Amino acid sequence: MKLLRDLLDDFIDYRRGLRFSPDYLYALRRRATLFLDWLEPVHMVTTPDRIRTEHLEGYTKSLSTQCTCKGLPLKPASLNNKLYAVGALLKYLHAHGFTVRDLSAAIEPLKMPSMLPTSVLNHRKVKKMLRKIDITTSAGYMERTIIEVLYSCGIRAGELLRLRVGDVDADAGLLRVLGKGRKERMVPIGRTASRYLRTYLVAIRSLMPGSHQYDSLFLHRGGKPYTRVPLRNMIHKHAAAAGLDAEKVTPHTFRRTCTTELVRSNANLYHIKELLGHESLSTLKPYTKLTILDLQKTHAKCHPRELDEKRERG
């Protein structure tokens, strides 16, 4: 019987053959490894035939007691991501004959609370952040361009980092984006982001080290392609310079902010879904609550009876 560690390698190779992205595979391996790291020392289980439903129940309970580096409980989404990786591995083991039954059925994901999106900036704060960036330097201009693209297009950080020079049609205002599951989609670029992209490509990127060696759209210091950590650090830096809570402003903040602004402007939800590369409209459900909240604020501000109430209290 093969060891679970070896089978995890086989599982990741299998998923790689299905053309899942490197970022997805890295996260899947890391989360599944957490399960094996718990299973081996606690229950002395190293082969798939010895996994039992009580082990899965125990692991779920152990996750619920874990905390973040700041001492806060893990969010349901984080817990479910870890459980999903375990379930996916168990499905693979059963499908390939390493377990008698599909043990993934014993894993019950946590119910996700229906919450409004967090880490969202309003347009005024985004403009303040953008204006603080020194675009007289080549690095500053590129960083402004990156944020303009994130805010305008609502693409994911991984999608931005996978962009190639040939994916940009600044004149037509379009980006070819490689999303989850290696699915391509065309995304519109706003006029401002298009203008920055056009100038960046002609006047800055073409002169950067590595511009002839790599076809990645955005290059970091030394001419190598931009990666996640420098991207996050760059955004933290500019958020702090604008007086914002830097830790809460991430690349994904601009995806949420773009979506929020479009929903508030009554954009067609189907069009928003296509822009973001979502499979279902259900993923936009938290954002639709924004319209009723805005309506409540307008009602409280403008309705004469509400104004009477304020006068009586004043």
Protein backbone atom coordinates (compact mmCIF):
# COMPACT_ATOMS: atom_id res chain seq x y z
CA MET A 1 0.00 0.00 0.00
CA LYS A 2 1.41 3.38 -1.01
CA LEU A 3 1.96 6.02 1.64
CA LEU A 4 -0.41 8.96 1.82
CA ARG A 5 2.47 11.37 1.20
CA ASP A 6 3.27 9.65 -2.09
CA LEU A 7 -0.39 9.54 -3.06
CA LEU A 8 -0.66 13.26 -2.40
CA ASP A 9 2.09 13.78 -4.99
CA ASP A 10 0.12 11.61 -7.43
CA PHE A 11 -3.05 13.59 -6.67
CA ILE A 12 -1.36 16.93 -7.37
CA ASP A 13 0.12 15.56 -10.60
CA TYR A 14 -3.36 14.40 -11.60
CA ARG A 15 -4.82 17.86 -10.98
CA ARG A 16 -1.91 19.44 -12.83
CA GLY A 17 -2.83 17.31 -15.82
CA LEU A 18 -6.27 18.92 -15.70
CA ARG A 19 -4.53 22.27 -16.24
CA PHE A 20 -5.22 23.80 -12.86
CA SER A 21 -3.11 26.88 -12.14
CA PRO A 22 0.17 26.63 -10.19
CA ASP A 23 -1.26 28.90 -7.47
CA TYR A 24 -4.26 26.61 -7.03
CA LEU A 25 -2.08 23.49 -6.91
CA TYR A 26 0.27 25.07 -4.38
CA ALA A 27 -2.63 25.97 -2.07
CA LEU A 28 -4.25 22.54 -2.53
CA ARG A 29 -1.03 20.73 -1.62
CA ARG A 30 -0.38 22.94 1.38
CA ARG A 31 -3.90 22.45 2.78
CA ALA A 32 -3.92 18.69 2.20
CA THR A 33 -0.48 18.43 3.82
CA LEU A 34 -1.87 20.07 6.96
CA PHE A 35 -4.28 17.14 7.24
CA LEU A 36 -1.49 14.57 6.86
CA ASP A 37 0.65 16.48 9.37
CA TRP A 38 -2.20 16.12 11.86
CA LEU A 39 -3.17 12.56 10.94
CA GLU A 40 0.23 10.90 11.27
CA PRO A 41 1.36 11.96 14.77
CA VAL A 42 -2.10 11.95 16.32
CA HIS A 43 -3.48 8.68 14.90
CA MET A 44 -0.37 7.00 13.42
CA VAL A 45 -2.10 6.80 10.03
CA THR A 46 0.21 6.83 7.01
CA THR A 47 -1.74 4.77 4.45
CA PRO A 48 -5.23 5.40 2.98
CA ASP A 49 -6.71 2.07 4.14
CA ARG A 50 -6.44 3.18 7.77
CA ILE A 51 -8.38 6.44 7.46
CA ARG A 52 -11.70 6.39 9.33
CA THR A 53 -14.64 8.78 9.52
CA GLU A 54 -13.79 9.57 13.16
CA HIS A 55 -10.43 10.88 11.99
CA LEU A 56 -12.18 13.36 9.70
CA GLU A 57 -14.54 14.43 12.46
CA GLY A 58 -11.56 14.92 14.77
CA TYR A 59 -9.69 16.98 12.21
CA THR A 60 -12.71 19.23 11.65
CA LYS A 61 -12.92 19.84 15.41
CA SER A 62 -9.19 20.55 15.61
CA LEU A 63 -9.49 23.17 12.86
CA SER A 64 -12.25 24.94 14.76
CA THR A 65 -9.84 25.50 17.67
CA GLN A 66 -7.06 26.98 15.54
CA CYS A 67 -6.33 30.68 15.40
CA THR A 68 -4.66 33.09 13.02
CA CYS A 69 -1.26 34.64 13.72
CA LYS A 70 -3.17 37.52 15.35
CA GLY A 71 -4.94 35.14 17.75
CA LEU A 72 -8.31 35.37 15.98
CA PRO A 73 -10.46 32.31 15.12
CA LEU A 74 -10.23 31.09 11.55
CA LYS A 75 -13.02 32.36 9.31
CA PRO A 76 -15.51 29.82 7.93
CA ALA A 77 -14.12 30.37 4.42
CA SER A 78 -10.60 29.48 5.59
CA LEU A 79 -11.85 26.38 7.38
CA ASN A 80 -13.84 25.27 4.35
CA ASN A 81 -10.84 25.74 2.07
CA LYS A 82 -8.83 23.38 4.26
CA LEU A 83 -11.68 20.85 4.39
CA TYR A 84 -12.17 21.08 0.62
CA ALA A 85 -8.54 20.05 0.04
CA VAL A 86 -8.99 17.00 2.27
CA GLY A 87 -12.25 16.08 0.56
CA ALA A 88 -10.69 16.40 -2.89
CA LEU A 89 -7.82 14.11 -1.87
CA LEU A 90 -10.24 11.53 -0.43
CA LYS A 91 -12.34 11.56 -3.61
CA TYR A 92 -9.18 10.90 -5.62
CA LEU A 93 -8.18 8.01 -3.35
CA HIS A 94 -11.58 6.38 -3.70
CA ALA A 95 -11.80 6.93 -7.46
CA HIS A 96 -8.42 5.24 -7.92
CA GLY A 97 -9.20 2.27 -5.68
CA PHE A 98 -7.12 3.18 -2.62
CA THR A 99 -10.14 3.30 -0.27
CA VAL A 100 -13.20 1.08 -0.18
CA ARG A 101 -15.65 3.99 0.08
CA ASP A 102 -15.67 7.71 -0.52
CA LEU A 103 -14.79 9.12 2.89
CA SER A 104 -15.22 12.70 1.69
CA ALA A 105 -18.93 12.31 2.45
CA ALA A 106 -18.02 12.44 6.17
CA ILE A 107 -16.71 15.99 5.80
CA GLU A 108 -19.35 18.62 6.46
CA PRO A 109 -18.39 22.14 5.38
CA LEU A 110 -19.26 24.96 7.72
CA LYS A 111 -22.26 27.05 6.82
CA MET A 112 -21.05 30.32 5.37
CA PRO A 113 -22.62 33.40 6.95
CA SER A 114 -24.20 35.74 4.44
CA MET A 115 -22.04 38.79 4.99
CA LEU A 116 -21.37 41.99 3.13
CA PRO A 117 -17.98 42.11 1.39
CA THR A 118 -15.21 43.49 3.59
CA SER A 119 -12.03 45.36 2.71
CA VAL A 120 -13.81 47.67 0.26
CA LEU A 121 -12.69 51.21 -0.47
CA ASN A 122 -14.90 53.97 -1.76
CA HIS A 123 -13.92 55.84 -4.90
CA ARG A 124 -12.64 58.83 -2.95
CA LYS A 125 -10.16 56.68 -1.01
CA VAL A 126 -8.96 54.93 -4.15
CA LYS A 127 -8.33 58.30 -5.82
CA LYS A 128 -6.47 59.52 -2.73
CA MET A 129 -4.27 56.41 -2.80
CA LEU A 130 -3.56 56.78 -6.52
CA ARG A 131 -2.67 60.47 -6.23
CA LYS A 132 -0.07 59.70 -3.55
CA ILE A 133 1.95 57.57 -5.97
CA ASP A 134 4.94 59.36 -7.48
CA ILE A 135 4.58 58.70 -11.20
CA THR A 136 7.66 60.72 -12.09
CA THR A 137 9.71 57.55 -11.52
CA SER A 138 9.48 54.45 -13.71
CA ALA A 139 8.73 52.23 -10.68
CA GLY A 140 6.03 54.61 -9.46
CA TYR A 141 4.42 54.80 -12.89
CA MET A 142 4.31 51.02 -13.17
CA GLU A 143 2.82 50.69 -9.68
CA ARG A 144 0.15 53.27 -10.52
CA THR A 145 -0.60 51.32 -13.71
CA ILE A 146 -0.96 48.05 -11.77
CA ILE A 147 -3.47 49.55 -9.35
CA GLU A 148 -5.36 51.29 -12.15
CA VAL A 149 -5.73 47.92 -13.91
CA LEU A 150 -6.83 46.10 -10.73
CA TYR A 151 -9.43 48.76 -9.96
CA SER A 152 -10.68 49.15 -13.52
CA CYS A 153 -10.90 45.48 -14.48
CA GLY A 154 -11.63 43.76 -11.15
CA ILE A 155 -9.23 40.93 -12.02
CA ARG A 156 -7.66 38.65 -9.41
CA ALA A 157 -4.05 39.08 -8.28
CA GLY A 158 -3.10 35.78 -9.94
CA GLU A 159 -4.74 36.88 -13.17
CA LEU A 160 -2.81 40.15 -13.13
CA LEU A 161 0.48 38.33 -12.56
CA ARG A 162 -0.24 35.92 -15.44
CA LEU A 163 -0.79 38.75 -17.93
CA ARG A 164 1.58 38.83 -20.89
CA VAL A 165 2.42 41.77 -23.11
CA GLY A 166 0.46 40.16 -25.94
CA ASP A 167 -2.66 40.01 -23.75
CA VAL A 168 -3.06 43.80 -23.86
CA ASP A 169 -4.94 45.69 -26.54
CA ALA A 170 -4.87 49.17 -25.04
CA ASP A 171 -6.25 50.80 -28.19
CA ALA A 172 -9.34 48.56 -28.17
CA GLY A 173 -9.49 48.73 -24.37
CA LEU A 174 -9.34 44.95 -23.84
CA LEU A 175 -7.35 42.43 -21.79
CA ARG A 176 -7.13 38.70 -22.43
CA VAL A 177 -7.22 37.18 -18.93
CA LEU A 178 -6.37 33.61 -17.94
CA GLY A 179 -8.64 32.82 -15.00
CA LYS A 180 -9.37 29.86 -12.76
CA GLY A 181 -9.27 26.49 -14.46
CA ARG A 182 -7.11 28.06 -17.20
CA LYS A 183 -10.24 29.62 -18.71
CA GLU A 184 -9.68 32.65 -20.93
CA ARG A 185 -11.97 35.66 -21.02
CA MET A 186 -11.84 39.13 -22.51
CA VAL A 187 -12.09 41.97 -20.00
CA PRO A 188 -12.70 45.64 -20.79
CA ILE A 189 -10.14 48.18 -19.60
CA GLY A 190 -11.33 51.64 -18.65
CA ARG A 191 -9.99 54.70 -20.48
CA THR A 192 -7.75 55.80 -17.62
CA ALA A 193 -6.21 52.34 -17.14
CA SER A 194 -5.77 52.02 -20.92
CA ARG A 195 -3.90 55.32 -21.05
CA TYR A 196 -1.55 54.24 -18.26
CA LEU A 197 -1.01 50.83 -19.85
CA ARG A 198 -0.21 52.32 -23.24
CA THR A 199 2.39 54.71 -21.79
CA TYR A 200 3.85 52.01 -19.54
CA LEU A 201 4.36 49.61 -22.44
CA VAL A 202 5.97 52.17 -24.75
CA ALA A 203 7.99 54.36 -22.41
CA ILE A 204 8.79 52.21 -19.37
CA ARG A 205 8.56 48.46 -19.83
CA SER A 206 10.49 48.48 -23.10
CA LEU A 207 13.46 50.02 -21.25
CA MET A 208 13.37 47.77 -18.16
CA PRO A 209 15.92 45.00 -17.54
CA GLY A 210 14.41 41.69 -18.57
CA SER A 211 12.01 43.26 -21.07
CA HIS A 212 13.42 41.06 -23.85
CA GLN A 213 13.88 38.00 -21.66
CA TYR A 214 10.38 37.79 -20.16
CA ASP A 215 6.98 38.41 -21.72
CA SER A 216 5.22 39.01 -18.39
CA LEU A 217 3.41 42.33 -18.50
CA PHE A 218 4.70 43.62 -15.17
CA LEU A 219 8.34 43.24 -14.18
CA HIS A 220 9.83 43.70 -10.71
CA ARG A 221 13.24 45.03 -9.75
CA GLY A 222 15.97 43.21 -11.63
CA GLY A 223 13.66 42.60 -14.55
CA LYS A 224 11.99 39.45 -13.25
CA PRO A 225 8.21 38.93 -13.40
CA TYR A 226 6.18 40.39 -10.56
CA THR A 227 5.11 37.90 -7.88
CA ARG A 228 2.49 37.90 -5.12
CA VAL A 229 4.58 39.07 -2.16
CA PRO A 230 6.03 42.18 -3.88
CA LEU A 231 2.55 42.97 -5.22
CA ARG A 232 0.98 42.81 -1.77
CA ASN A 233 3.83 44.79 -0.18
CA MET A 234 3.59 47.47 -2.85
CA ILE A 235 -0.13 47.94 -2.23
CA HIS A 236 0.39 48.01 1.55
CA LYS A 237 3.02 50.75 1.04
CA HIS A 238 0.74 53.01 -1.00
CA ALA A 239 -2.26 52.38 1.26
CA ALA A 240 -0.21 53.45 4.29
CA ALA A 241 1.00 56.56 2.44
CA ALA A 242 -2.65 57.50 1.84
CA GLY A 243 -3.47 57.10 5.54
CA LEU A 244 -5.48 53.91 5.03
CA ASP A 245 -5.37 50.75 7.13
CA ALA A 246 -2.59 49.15 5.08
CA GLU A 247 -3.08 45.62 6.43
CA LYS A 248 -6.68 45.58 5.18
CA VAL A 249 -5.88 46.85 1.68
CA THR A 250 -4.79 43.95 -0.53
CA PRO A 251 -4.82 43.26 -4.28
CA HIS A 252 -8.24 41.64 -3.81
CA THR A 253 -9.56 44.87 -2.26
CA PHE A 254 -9.70 46.42 -5.73
CA ARG A 255 -11.67 43.47 -7.12
CA ARG A 256 -14.25 43.90 -4.37
CA THR A 257 -14.24 47.68 -4.78
CA CYS A 258 -14.73 47.44 -8.54
CA THR A 259 -17.64 45.03 -8.03
CA THR A 260 -19.20 47.20 -5.32
CA GLU A 261 -19.09 50.34 -7.47
CA LEU A 262 -20.64 48.54 -10.44
CA VAL A 263 -23.46 47.07 -8.31
CA ARG A 264 -24.16 50.45 -6.74
CA SER A 265 -24.41 51.95 -10.21
CA ASN A 266 -27.05 49.32 -11.13
CA ALA A 267 -24.85 47.50 -13.63
CA ASN A 268 -26.33 44.30 -15.08
CA LEU A 269 -25.34 41.46 -12.69
CA TYR A 270 -24.81 39.07 -15.59
CA HIS A 271 -22.30 41.49 -17.11
CA ILE A 272 -20.52 41.81 -13.75
CA LYS A 273 -20.36 38.01 -13.50
CA GLU A 274 -18.72 37.83 -16.93
CA LEU A 275 -16.27 40.59 -16.04
CA LEU A 276 -15.17 38.80 -12.86
CA GLY A 277 -15.05 35.34 -14.44
CA HIS A 278 -17.55 33.78 -12.03
CA GLU A 279 -19.46 30.63 -12.93
CA SER A 280 -22.67 31.64 -11.19
CA LEU A 281 -24.60 34.76 -10.26
CA SER A 282 -24.88 33.39 -6.71
CA THR A 283 -21.33 34.60 -5.99
CA LEU A 284 -22.61 38.17 -6.33
CA LYS A 285 -25.36 37.69 -3.75
CA PRO A 286 -23.47 39.48 -0.93
CA TYR A 287 -23.02 42.52 -3.16
CA THR A 288 -26.71 42.83 -3.97
CA LYS A 289 -27.32 43.71 -0.32
CA LEU A 290 -25.43 46.92 -0.93
CA THR A 291 -28.32 48.35 -2.92
CA ILE A 292 -30.80 47.96 -0.07
CA LEU A 293 -28.31 49.46 2.39
CA ASP A 294 -27.82 52.43 0.11
CA LEU A 295 -31.60 52.73 -0.20
CA GLN A 296 -31.95 52.72 3.59
CA LYS A 297 -29.37 55.50 3.90
CA THR A 298 -31.12 57.58 1.23
CA HIS A 299 -34.49 57.02 2.91
CA ALA A 300 -33.14 58.11 6.28
CA LYS A 301 -31.50 61.17 4.75
CA CYS A 302 -34.31 62.36 2.48
CA HIS A 303 -37.72 61.18 3.66
CA PRO A 304 -39.65 64.03 5.34
CA ARG A 305 -40.75 61.90 8.27
CA GLU A 306 -37.14 60.96 8.97
CA LEU A 307 -36.22 64.64 8.82
CA ASP A 308 -39.05 65.37 11.29
CA GLU A 309 -37.54 62.79 13.62
CA LYS A 310 -34.13 64.46 13.43
CA ARG A 311 -35.65 67.90 14.12
CA GLU A 312 -37.55 66.59 17.15
CA ARG A 313 -34.40 64.96 18.53
CA GLY A 314 -32.38 68.13 17.81
